[in-house]
N, C-alpha and C. Protein backbone atom coordinates (compact mmCIF):
# COMPACT_ATOMS: atom_id res chain seq x y z
N UNK A 1 -33.88 10.29 -58.74
CA UNK A 1 -34.68 11.59 -58.99
C UNK A 1 -33.78 12.63 -59.58
N UNK A 2 -34.49 13.28 -60.82
CA UNK A 2 -33.85 14.29 -61.56
C UNK A 2 -33.73 15.47 -60.51
N UNK A 3 -32.52 16.36 -61.02
CA UNK A 3 -32.46 17.45 -60.07
C UNK A 3 -33.24 18.49 -60.68
N UNK A 4 -34.05 19.02 -59.81
CA UNK A 4 -35.01 20.03 -59.76
C UNK A 4 -34.49 21.27 -59.22
N UNK A 5 -34.06 22.38 -60.03
CA UNK A 5 -33.47 23.55 -59.58
C UNK A 5 -34.37 24.16 -58.41
N UNK A 6 -35.60 24.19 -58.41
CA UNK A 6 -36.51 24.71 -57.37
C UNK A 6 -36.21 24.25 -56.13
N UNK A 7 -36.36 22.66 -56.18
CA UNK A 7 -36.13 21.87 -54.99
C UNK A 7 -34.77 22.15 -54.29
N UNK A 8 -33.64 22.08 -55.20
CA UNK A 8 -32.28 22.39 -54.85
C UNK A 8 -32.16 23.61 -54.04
N UNK A 9 -32.80 24.71 -54.62
CA UNK A 9 -32.57 26.09 -54.05
C UNK A 9 -33.45 25.98 -52.70
N UNK A 10 -34.56 25.48 -52.71
CA UNK A 10 -35.30 25.36 -51.51
C UNK A 10 -34.48 24.59 -50.40
N UNK A 11 -33.93 23.50 -50.78
CA UNK A 11 -33.17 22.68 -49.86
C UNK A 11 -31.78 23.47 -49.30
N UNK A 12 -31.16 24.04 -50.25
CA UNK A 12 -29.88 24.80 -49.77
C UNK A 12 -30.40 26.17 -48.70
N UNK A 13 -31.56 26.81 -49.07
CA UNK A 13 -32.09 27.90 -48.25
C UNK A 13 -32.58 27.31 -46.91
N UNK A 14 -33.02 26.20 -46.90
CA UNK A 14 -33.43 25.51 -45.69
C UNK A 14 -32.15 25.28 -44.70
N UNK A 15 -31.13 24.80 -45.51
CA UNK A 15 -29.88 24.33 -44.80
C UNK A 15 -29.27 25.68 -44.47
N UNK A 16 -29.39 26.54 -44.95
CA UNK A 16 -28.75 28.10 -44.46
C UNK A 16 -29.20 28.39 -43.17
N UNK A 17 -30.50 28.03 -42.89
CA UNK A 17 -31.06 28.35 -41.70
C UNK A 17 -30.98 27.47 -40.55
N UNK A 18 -31.03 25.97 -40.95
CA UNK A 18 -30.97 24.93 -40.10
C UNK A 18 -29.84 23.91 -40.67
N UNK A 19 -28.97 23.59 -40.35
CA UNK A 19 -28.03 22.89 -40.88
C UNK A 19 -28.03 21.42 -40.64
N UNK A 20 -29.43 20.89 -40.74
CA UNK A 20 -29.65 19.40 -40.38
C UNK A 20 -30.21 18.93 -41.88
N UNK A 21 -29.46 18.02 -42.52
CA UNK A 21 -29.76 17.52 -43.60
C UNK A 21 -31.19 16.85 -43.84
N UNK A 22 -31.56 16.34 -42.54
CA UNK A 22 -32.66 15.29 -42.66
C UNK A 22 -33.89 16.39 -42.60
N UNK A 23 -33.70 17.30 -41.95
CA UNK A 23 -34.92 18.42 -41.93
C UNK A 23 -35.05 19.13 -43.18
N UNK A 24 -34.05 19.44 -43.79
CA UNK A 24 -34.06 20.16 -44.96
C UNK A 24 -34.58 19.15 -46.17
N UNK A 25 -34.25 17.98 -46.05
CA UNK A 25 -34.85 16.97 -46.96
C UNK A 25 -36.16 16.85 -46.84
N UNK A 26 -36.63 16.52 -45.56
CA UNK A 26 -38.17 16.30 -45.12
C UNK A 26 -38.95 17.74 -45.62
N UNK A 27 -38.37 18.96 -45.34
CA UNK A 27 -39.21 20.17 -46.02
C UNK A 27 -39.26 20.23 -47.19
N UNK A 28 -38.36 19.65 -48.15
CA UNK A 28 -38.58 19.95 -49.48
C UNK A 28 -38.88 18.71 -50.36
N UNK A 29 -39.17 17.57 -49.61
CA UNK A 29 -39.53 16.45 -50.35
C UNK A 29 -38.47 15.55 -50.93
N UNK A 30 -37.19 15.67 -50.44
CA UNK A 30 -36.13 14.85 -50.98
C UNK A 30 -35.51 13.94 -50.02
N UNK A 31 -35.02 12.94 -50.57
CA UNK A 31 -34.38 11.95 -49.69
C UNK A 31 -33.02 11.97 -49.32
N UNK A 32 -32.64 11.50 -48.22
CA UNK A 32 -30.95 11.78 -47.88
C UNK A 32 -30.34 11.12 -49.01
N UNK A 33 -30.68 9.94 -49.24
CA UNK A 33 -29.86 8.99 -50.30
C UNK A 33 -29.75 10.02 -51.52
N UNK A 34 -30.80 10.69 -52.13
CA UNK A 34 -30.67 11.51 -53.49
C UNK A 34 -29.75 12.55 -53.02
N UNK A 35 -29.84 13.25 -51.84
CA UNK A 35 -28.78 14.31 -51.64
C UNK A 35 -27.57 13.86 -51.41
N UNK A 36 -27.22 12.87 -50.93
CA UNK A 36 -26.05 12.40 -50.58
C UNK A 36 -25.25 11.86 -52.21
N UNK A 37 -26.23 11.25 -53.02
CA UNK A 37 -25.74 11.00 -54.24
C UNK A 37 -25.51 12.27 -55.07
N UNK A 38 -26.28 13.17 -55.16
CA UNK A 38 -26.02 14.48 -55.77
C UNK A 38 -24.64 15.06 -55.36
N UNK A 39 -24.52 15.00 -53.94
CA UNK A 39 -23.19 15.71 -53.48
C UNK A 39 -22.09 14.85 -53.89
N UNK A 40 -22.20 13.46 -53.95
CA UNK A 40 -20.99 12.70 -54.56
C UNK A 40 -20.75 12.88 -56.13
N UNK A 41 -21.73 13.18 -56.79
CA UNK A 41 -21.66 13.12 -58.34
C UNK A 41 -21.32 14.57 -58.58
N UNK A 42 -21.81 15.67 -57.97
CA UNK A 42 -21.83 16.95 -58.38
C UNK A 42 -20.75 18.08 -57.41
N UNK A 43 -19.70 18.31 -57.93
CA UNK A 43 -18.77 19.04 -57.25
C UNK A 43 -19.53 20.37 -56.76
N UNK A 44 -20.15 21.21 -57.70
CA UNK A 44 -20.68 22.42 -57.56
C UNK A 44 -22.03 22.45 -56.51
N UNK A 45 -22.47 21.35 -56.69
CA UNK A 45 -23.67 21.08 -55.62
C UNK A 45 -23.16 20.86 -54.24
N UNK A 46 -21.90 20.01 -54.26
CA UNK A 46 -21.25 19.76 -52.83
C UNK A 46 -20.79 21.21 -52.31
N UNK A 47 -20.22 22.02 -53.13
CA UNK A 47 -19.63 23.45 -52.64
C UNK A 47 -20.62 24.31 -52.12
N UNK A 48 -21.97 24.08 -52.84
CA UNK A 48 -23.13 24.91 -52.42
C UNK A 48 -23.71 24.50 -51.16
N UNK A 49 -23.81 23.05 -51.05
CA UNK A 49 -24.06 22.58 -49.74
C UNK A 49 -23.12 22.74 -48.52
N UNK A 50 -22.10 22.70 -48.87
CA UNK A 50 -21.02 22.99 -48.00
C UNK A 50 -21.06 24.52 -47.37
N UNK A 51 -21.25 25.56 -48.26
CA UNK A 51 -21.55 26.86 -47.86
C UNK A 51 -22.82 27.01 -47.07
N UNK A 52 -23.67 26.26 -47.63
CA UNK A 52 -25.03 26.50 -47.04
C UNK A 52 -25.03 25.76 -45.48
N UNK A 53 -24.45 24.82 -45.25
CA UNK A 53 -23.90 24.18 -43.97
C UNK A 53 -23.32 25.15 -43.15
N UNK A 54 -22.14 25.75 -43.63
CA UNK A 54 -21.66 26.72 -42.82
C UNK A 54 -22.27 27.94 -42.27
N UNK A 55 -23.12 28.50 -43.21
CA UNK A 55 -24.02 29.37 -42.98
C UNK A 55 -25.04 29.20 -41.93
N UNK A 56 -25.66 27.90 -42.11
CA UNK A 56 -26.36 27.24 -41.29
C UNK A 56 -26.02 27.08 -39.69
N UNK A 57 -24.74 26.75 -39.55
CA UNK A 57 -23.81 26.55 -38.42
C UNK A 57 -23.87 27.86 -37.77
N UNK A 58 -23.23 28.77 -38.69
CA UNK A 58 -23.24 30.12 -37.92
C UNK A 58 -24.62 30.99 -37.37
N UNK A 59 -25.58 30.54 -38.19
CA UNK A 59 -26.96 30.87 -37.77
C UNK A 59 -27.29 30.40 -36.55
N UNK A 60 -27.02 28.92 -36.40
CA UNK A 60 -27.23 28.22 -35.00
C UNK A 60 -26.32 28.77 -34.00
N UNK A 61 -25.14 29.28 -34.32
CA UNK A 61 -24.25 29.64 -33.21
C UNK A 61 -24.80 31.03 -32.76
N UNK A 62 -25.35 31.95 -33.66
CA UNK A 62 -25.71 33.20 -33.22
C UNK A 62 -26.85 33.17 -32.35
N UNK A 63 -27.86 31.92 -32.77
CA UNK A 63 -29.13 31.86 -31.90
C UNK A 63 -28.67 31.26 -30.50
N UNK A 64 -27.61 30.24 -30.37
CA UNK A 64 -27.21 29.82 -29.14
C UNK A 64 -26.68 30.98 -28.28
N UNK A 65 -25.70 31.82 -28.94
CA UNK A 65 -25.15 32.68 -28.13
C UNK A 65 -26.35 33.85 -27.67
N UNK A 66 -27.26 34.03 -28.52
CA UNK A 66 -28.36 35.03 -27.95
C UNK A 66 -29.27 34.49 -26.86
N UNK A 67 -29.41 33.08 -26.89
CA UNK A 67 -30.10 32.42 -25.73
C UNK A 67 -29.36 32.60 -24.52
N UNK A 68 -27.94 32.29 -24.96
CA UNK A 68 -26.96 32.40 -23.47
C UNK A 68 -26.82 33.79 -23.09
N UNK A 69 -26.78 34.74 -23.82
CA UNK A 69 -26.81 36.07 -23.55
C UNK A 69 -27.99 36.37 -22.49
N UNK A 70 -29.11 35.86 -22.94
CA UNK A 70 -30.40 36.17 -22.52
C UNK A 70 -30.45 35.62 -20.76
N UNK A 71 -29.96 34.46 -21.00
CA UNK A 71 -29.82 33.70 -19.60
C UNK A 71 -28.90 34.50 -18.56
N UNK A 72 -27.78 34.86 -19.05
CA UNK A 72 -26.90 35.71 -18.43
C UNK A 72 -27.41 36.92 -17.95
N UNK A 73 -28.21 37.62 -18.77
CA UNK A 73 -28.80 39.07 -18.21
C UNK A 73 -30.00 38.57 -17.11
N UNK A 74 -30.54 37.35 -17.11
CA UNK A 74 -31.34 37.13 -15.92
C UNK A 74 -30.57 36.53 -14.83
N UNK A 75 -29.46 36.81 -14.69
CA UNK A 75 -28.49 36.28 -13.46
C UNK A 75 -28.43 34.91 -13.39
N UNK A 76 -28.54 33.89 -14.51
CA UNK A 76 -28.52 32.45 -14.36
C UNK A 76 -27.19 32.23 -14.18
N UNK A 77 -26.93 31.92 -12.94
CA UNK A 77 -25.28 31.60 -12.58
C UNK A 77 -24.62 30.62 -13.44
N UNK A 78 -25.26 29.43 -13.74
CA UNK A 78 -24.65 28.44 -14.50
C UNK A 78 -24.29 28.88 -15.87
N UNK A 79 -24.97 29.82 -16.64
CA UNK A 79 -24.50 30.45 -17.69
C UNK A 79 -23.48 31.41 -17.50
N UNK A 80 -23.50 32.06 -16.42
CA UNK A 80 -22.35 33.09 -16.23
C UNK A 80 -21.15 32.19 -15.96
N UNK A 81 -21.18 31.40 -15.22
CA UNK A 81 -20.10 30.44 -14.77
C UNK A 81 -19.47 29.78 -16.06
N UNK A 82 -20.46 29.18 -17.01
CA UNK A 82 -19.91 28.67 -18.23
C UNK A 82 -19.01 29.57 -19.09
N UNK A 83 -19.63 30.90 -19.35
CA UNK A 83 -19.10 31.76 -20.07
C UNK A 83 -17.75 32.15 -19.50
N UNK A 84 -17.62 32.50 -18.23
CA UNK A 84 -16.44 32.63 -17.80
C UNK A 84 -15.22 31.65 -17.65
N UNK A 85 -15.81 30.39 -17.78
CA UNK A 85 -14.91 29.24 -17.68
C UNK A 85 -14.40 29.08 -19.21
N UNK A 86 -15.22 29.31 -20.07
CA UNK A 86 -14.89 29.11 -21.69
C UNK A 86 -14.55 30.38 -22.31
N UNK A 87 -14.40 31.53 -21.69
CA UNK A 87 -13.83 32.44 -22.17
C UNK A 87 -12.36 32.51 -22.50
N UNK A 88 -11.87 32.73 -23.74
CA UNK A 88 -10.61 32.43 -24.03
C UNK A 88 -9.57 33.46 -23.11
N UNK A 89 -9.96 34.66 -22.73
CA UNK A 89 -9.20 35.58 -22.00
C UNK A 89 -8.94 34.80 -20.44
N UNK A 90 -10.16 34.50 -19.76
CA UNK A 90 -9.92 33.97 -18.44
C UNK A 90 -9.23 32.79 -18.51
N UNK A 91 -9.34 31.74 -19.47
CA UNK A 91 -8.70 30.44 -19.49
C UNK A 91 -7.24 30.68 -19.67
N UNK A 92 -6.83 31.70 -20.59
CA UNK A 92 -5.47 31.82 -20.85
C UNK A 92 -4.81 32.44 -19.69
N UNK A 93 -5.57 33.46 -19.11
CA UNK A 93 -4.84 34.23 -17.93
C UNK A 93 -4.46 33.40 -16.60
N UNK A 94 -5.45 32.65 -16.36
CA UNK A 94 -5.45 31.85 -15.16
C UNK A 94 -4.56 30.57 -15.01
N UNK A 95 -5.07 29.80 -15.97
CA UNK A 95 -4.23 28.41 -15.90
C UNK A 95 -4.68 27.68 -14.79
N UNK A 96 -5.59 28.12 -13.98
CA UNK A 96 -6.04 27.53 -12.79
C UNK A 96 -7.45 26.82 -12.76
N UNK A 97 -8.10 26.32 -13.96
CA UNK A 97 -9.39 25.84 -14.13
C UNK A 97 -9.44 24.71 -13.29
N UNK A 98 -8.46 23.82 -13.24
CA UNK A 98 -8.54 22.51 -13.03
C UNK A 98 -8.60 22.37 -11.25
N UNK A 99 -8.34 23.61 -10.63
CA UNK A 99 -8.30 23.63 -9.28
C UNK A 99 -9.63 23.91 -8.71
N UNK A 100 -9.95 23.43 -7.65
CA UNK A 100 -11.40 23.89 -7.14
C UNK A 100 -11.12 24.78 -6.00
N UNK A 101 -11.14 26.07 -6.42
CA UNK A 101 -10.91 27.28 -5.74
C UNK A 101 -12.16 28.24 -5.63
N UNK A 102 -12.14 28.91 -4.48
CA UNK A 102 -13.51 29.82 -4.32
C UNK A 102 -13.12 31.08 -5.09
N UNK A 103 -14.29 31.65 -5.44
CA UNK A 103 -14.29 32.94 -6.36
C UNK A 103 -13.18 33.85 -5.68
N UNK A 104 -13.39 34.24 -4.54
CA UNK A 104 -12.54 35.15 -4.07
C UNK A 104 -10.94 34.74 -4.08
N UNK A 105 -10.67 33.55 -3.90
CA UNK A 105 -9.37 33.03 -4.28
C UNK A 105 -8.99 33.29 -5.70
N UNK A 106 -9.63 32.95 -6.53
CA UNK A 106 -9.35 33.05 -8.02
C UNK A 106 -9.20 34.36 -8.50
N UNK A 107 -10.14 35.49 -7.70
CA UNK A 107 -10.03 36.83 -8.06
C UNK A 107 -8.62 37.41 -7.55
N UNK A 108 -8.18 36.80 -6.31
CA UNK A 108 -6.85 37.45 -5.81
C UNK A 108 -5.70 36.75 -6.42
N UNK A 109 -5.63 35.61 -7.00
CA UNK A 109 -4.73 34.93 -7.81
C UNK A 109 -4.58 35.82 -9.13
N UNK A 110 -5.64 36.05 -9.89
CA UNK A 110 -5.77 36.85 -11.15
C UNK A 110 -5.17 38.20 -10.79
N UNK A 111 -5.35 38.92 -9.77
CA UNK A 111 -4.81 39.97 -9.50
C UNK A 111 -3.39 40.06 -9.33
N UNK A 112 -2.73 39.14 -8.66
CA UNK A 112 -1.27 38.85 -8.69
C UNK A 112 -0.87 38.57 -10.24
N UNK A 113 -1.60 37.68 -10.81
CA UNK A 113 -1.01 37.30 -11.97
C UNK A 113 -0.89 38.41 -13.03
N UNK A 114 -2.00 39.35 -12.83
CA UNK A 114 -2.00 40.58 -13.71
C UNK A 114 -0.96 41.59 -13.47
N UNK A 115 -0.48 41.57 -12.17
CA UNK A 115 0.55 42.61 -11.72
C UNK A 115 1.96 41.89 -11.75
N UNK A 116 2.17 40.72 -12.23
CA UNK A 116 3.04 40.02 -12.64
C UNK A 116 3.81 39.79 -11.32
N UNK A 117 3.04 39.45 -10.12
CA UNK A 117 3.48 39.00 -8.96
C UNK A 117 3.04 37.62 -8.58
N UNK A 118 2.89 36.73 -9.32
CA UNK A 118 2.62 35.40 -9.15
C UNK A 118 3.37 34.69 -8.33
N UNK A 119 4.64 34.87 -8.38
CA UNK A 119 5.83 34.26 -7.40
C UNK A 119 5.65 34.80 -6.12
N UNK A 120 5.10 35.90 -5.80
CA UNK A 120 5.04 36.53 -4.54
C UNK A 120 3.87 35.92 -3.85
N UNK A 121 2.94 35.52 -4.79
CA UNK A 121 1.65 34.99 -4.25
C UNK A 121 1.89 33.44 -3.73
N UNK A 122 2.66 32.98 -4.48
CA UNK A 122 3.09 31.44 -4.07
C UNK A 122 3.91 31.50 -2.92
N UNK A 123 4.82 32.55 -2.72
CA UNK A 123 5.75 32.37 -1.50
C UNK A 123 4.78 32.74 -0.35
N UNK A 124 3.76 33.83 -0.33
CA UNK A 124 2.63 33.96 0.62
C UNK A 124 1.94 32.74 1.09
N UNK A 125 1.66 31.93 0.05
CA UNK A 125 0.87 30.61 0.28
C UNK A 125 1.89 29.70 1.10
N UNK A 126 3.32 29.54 0.67
CA UNK A 126 3.97 28.72 1.29
C UNK A 126 4.36 29.13 2.64
N UNK A 127 4.43 30.48 2.97
CA UNK A 127 4.52 30.84 4.22
C UNK A 127 3.49 30.65 5.34
N UNK A 128 2.13 30.72 4.67
CA UNK A 128 0.95 30.47 5.39
C UNK A 128 1.13 28.76 5.75
N UNK A 129 1.29 27.92 4.99
CA UNK A 129 1.31 26.57 5.20
C UNK A 129 2.56 26.18 6.46
N UNK A 130 3.43 27.01 6.51
CA UNK A 130 4.69 26.77 7.25
C UNK A 130 4.45 27.32 8.73
């Protein structure tokens, strides 16, 4: 199939919204084989397609984050827990994710950690066990 500027433009616009090649192909009447052939043969098209995919992925990330935020606002505990467990600041500060501890124990450990007294906490734990 010959390159049609209008179809290419439409394909790239769809890809910027939804980074799914099959969906973009179906919506603008192009086959995946055609798109992949153009991508392999034309460096400029490849660059435009890559940029459109990046923008599409960012759009999908924004949508996912908005949905996630909406669930957290509705006190959806699994969403809140996911956010806390995958937040870089919590993950880096605690280093305790692999342990199955209660929320109160984790808060206590974090307070010791922030105050620089983690060794003191460990000593208290040892004295409790003894």
